[in-house]
């Protein structure tokens, strides 16, 4: 097996790059001739691509933040279901129903929900946070 010394390797790489340059020369001459014509369009394409990616990233970030806030509220409500006070457990039921409005909870009765609505109006005195 023959090994190349460093100088032979550098000459081989430079020869390869020179071949690529010679192969690209006609295309580069055409580009030099027509590039000033297409430069405004290229700038428009680049700007619109950057704007699209920025908006897409922003929308994704908003969705992720929304899901994160929903999960924090869900965890808060689940922690309240294990609280020792009945008012806190009723509040947890109300929060869970507010977070998932289409699915009824099995253990929540209409009387509990009504009592929760009546008692949470005094949230400032009882220390329970109202959800927005």
Protein backbone atom coordinates (compact mmCIF):
# COMPACT_ATOMS: atom_id res chain seq x y z
CA UNK A 1 0.00 0.00 0.00
CA UNK A 2 1.53 3.31 -1.05
CA UNK A 3 1.34 6.27 1.25
CA UNK A 4 1.26 9.85 -0.03
CA UNK A 5 3.43 12.37 1.63
CA UNK A 6 1.91 15.66 2.69
CA UNK A 7 3.09 17.62 -0.33
CA UNK A 8 1.60 15.13 -2.81
CA UNK A 9 -1.68 15.25 -0.93
CA UNK A 10 -1.76 19.08 -1.02
CA UNK A 11 -0.99 19.06 -4.76
CA UNK A 12 -3.82 16.55 -5.35
CA UNK A 13 -6.31 18.70 -3.42
CA UNK A 14 -5.22 21.88 -5.22
CA UNK A 15 -5.47 20.10 -8.58
CA UNK A 16 -8.99 18.98 -7.73
CA UNK A 17 -10.02 22.52 -6.70
CA UNK A 18 -8.46 23.92 -9.90
CA UNK A 19 -10.49 21.42 -11.93
CA UNK A 20 -13.67 22.54 -10.20
CA UNK A 21 -12.80 26.20 -10.88
CA UNK A 22 -12.22 25.50 -14.59
CA UNK A 23 -15.45 23.52 -14.77
CA UNK A 24 -17.39 26.42 -13.15
CA UNK A 25 -15.78 29.24 -15.19
CA UNK A 26 -18.41 29.39 -17.98
CA UNK A 27 -21.22 29.39 -15.40
CA UNK A 28 -19.52 32.11 -13.41
CA UNK A 29 -19.21 34.30 -16.50
CA UNK A 30 -22.92 33.91 -17.19
CA UNK A 31 -23.72 34.64 -13.55
CA UNK A 32 -21.55 37.77 -13.64
CA UNK A 33 -23.50 38.96 -16.66
CA UNK A 34 -27.03 38.25 -15.39
CA UNK A 35 -26.62 38.52 -11.61
CA UNK A 36 -27.27 42.30 -11.48
CA UNK A 37 -30.62 41.67 -13.19
CA UNK A 38 -31.71 39.02 -10.68
CA UNK A 39 -30.29 40.57 -7.51
CA UNK A 40 -33.54 42.35 -6.47
CA UNK A 41 -35.48 39.12 -6.94
CA UNK A 42 -32.92 37.16 -4.95
CA UNK A 43 -33.15 39.71 -2.15
CA UNK A 44 -36.93 39.42 -2.19
CA UNK A 45 -36.77 35.63 -2.11
CA UNK A 46 -34.30 35.62 0.79
CA UNK A 47 -36.30 38.21 2.75
CA UNK A 48 -39.58 36.36 2.27
CA UNK A 49 -37.96 33.07 3.26
CA UNK A 50 -36.56 34.61 6.44
CA UNK A 51 -39.94 36.21 7.23
CA UNK A 52 -41.76 32.91 6.68
CA UNK A 53 -39.36 31.01 8.93
CA UNK A 54 -39.60 33.73 11.59
CA UNK A 55 -43.41 33.71 11.61
CA UNK A 56 -43.53 29.93 11.62
CA UNK A 57 -41.15 29.83 14.58
CA UNK A 58 -43.20 32.46 16.42
CA UNK A 59 -46.45 30.54 15.89
CA UNK A 60 -44.81 27.34 17.08
CA UNK A 61 -43.48 29.10 20.16
CA UNK A 62 -46.94 30.49 20.98
CA UNK A 63 -48.45 27.00 20.69
CA UNK A 64 -45.77 25.52 22.93
CA UNK A 65 -46.25 28.26 25.54
CA UNK A 66 -50.02 27.72 25.46
CA UNK A 67 -49.59 23.99 26.00
CA UNK A 68 -47.14 24.63 28.82
CA UNK A 69 -49.56 26.98 30.61
CA UNK A 70 -52.39 24.49 30.13
CA UNK A 71 -50.28 21.75 31.70
CA UNK A 72 -49.33 23.96 34.67
CA UNK A 73 -53.01 24.68 35.34
CA UNK A 74 -53.82 20.99 34.96
CA UNK A 75 -51.14 20.05 37.50
CA UNK A 76 -52.39 22.71 39.91
CA UNK A 77 -55.92 21.33 39.68
CA UNK A 78 -54.73 17.75 40.12
CA UNK A 79 -52.77 18.74 43.21
CA UNK A 80 -55.88 20.44 44.61
CA UNK A 81 -57.87 17.20 44.28
CA UNK A 82 -55.76 15.75 47.11
CA UNK A 83 -56.21 18.74 49.40
CA UNK A 84 -57.70 18.18 52.86
CA UNK A 85 -60.37 20.91 52.52
CA UNK A 86 -63.51 20.17 50.57
CA UNK A 87 -63.66 23.68 49.09
CA UNK A 88 -60.25 23.17 47.52
CA UNK A 89 -61.30 19.82 46.06
CA UNK A 90 -64.43 21.43 44.60
CA UNK A 91 -62.28 24.18 43.13
CA UNK A 92 -60.10 21.49 41.56
CA UNK A 93 -63.16 19.94 39.94
CA UNK A 94 -64.21 23.32 38.56
CA UNK A 95 -60.72 24.00 37.20
CA UNK A 96 -60.54 20.59 35.56
CA UNK A 97 -63.92 21.11 33.93
CA UNK A 98 -62.87 24.54 32.71
CA UNK A 99 -59.69 23.11 31.18
CA UNK A 100 -61.49 20.24 29.46
CA UNK A 101 -65.02 21.59 28.88
CA UNK A 102 -66.32 18.79 26.66
CA UNK A 103 -65.59 15.91 29.02
CA UNK A 104 -67.71 15.56 32.17
CA UNK A 105 -65.96 14.43 35.32
CA UNK A 106 -67.35 11.24 36.86
CA UNK A 107 -67.33 12.33 40.50
CA UNK A 108 -68.57 15.87 40.01
CA UNK A 109 -72.21 16.48 40.67
CA UNK A 110 -74.21 19.55 39.73
CA UNK A 111 -74.55 20.49 43.40
CA UNK A 112 -70.77 20.40 43.89
CA UNK A 113 -70.22 22.57 40.84
CA UNK A 114 -72.88 25.04 41.94
CA UNK A 115 -71.38 25.20 45.43
CA UNK A 116 -67.95 25.73 43.93
CA UNK A 117 -69.16 28.60 41.77
CA UNK A 118 -70.81 30.27 44.75
CA UNK A 119 -67.80 29.87 47.04
CA UNK A 120 -65.09 30.83 44.57
CA UNK A 121 -66.60 34.28 44.22
CA UNK A 122 -64.98 34.97 47.63
CA UNK A 123 -61.57 33.84 46.41
CA UNK A 124 -59.72 36.79 47.88
CA UNK A 125 -60.68 35.85 51.43
CA UNK A 126 -60.11 32.11 51.12
CA UNK A 127 -56.74 32.34 49.36
CA UNK A 128 -57.84 30.50 46.22
CA UNK A 129 -56.54 31.96 42.99
CA UNK A 130 -59.03 32.75 40.27
CA UNK A 131 -58.09 31.57 36.81
CA UNK A 132 -58.21 34.04 33.95
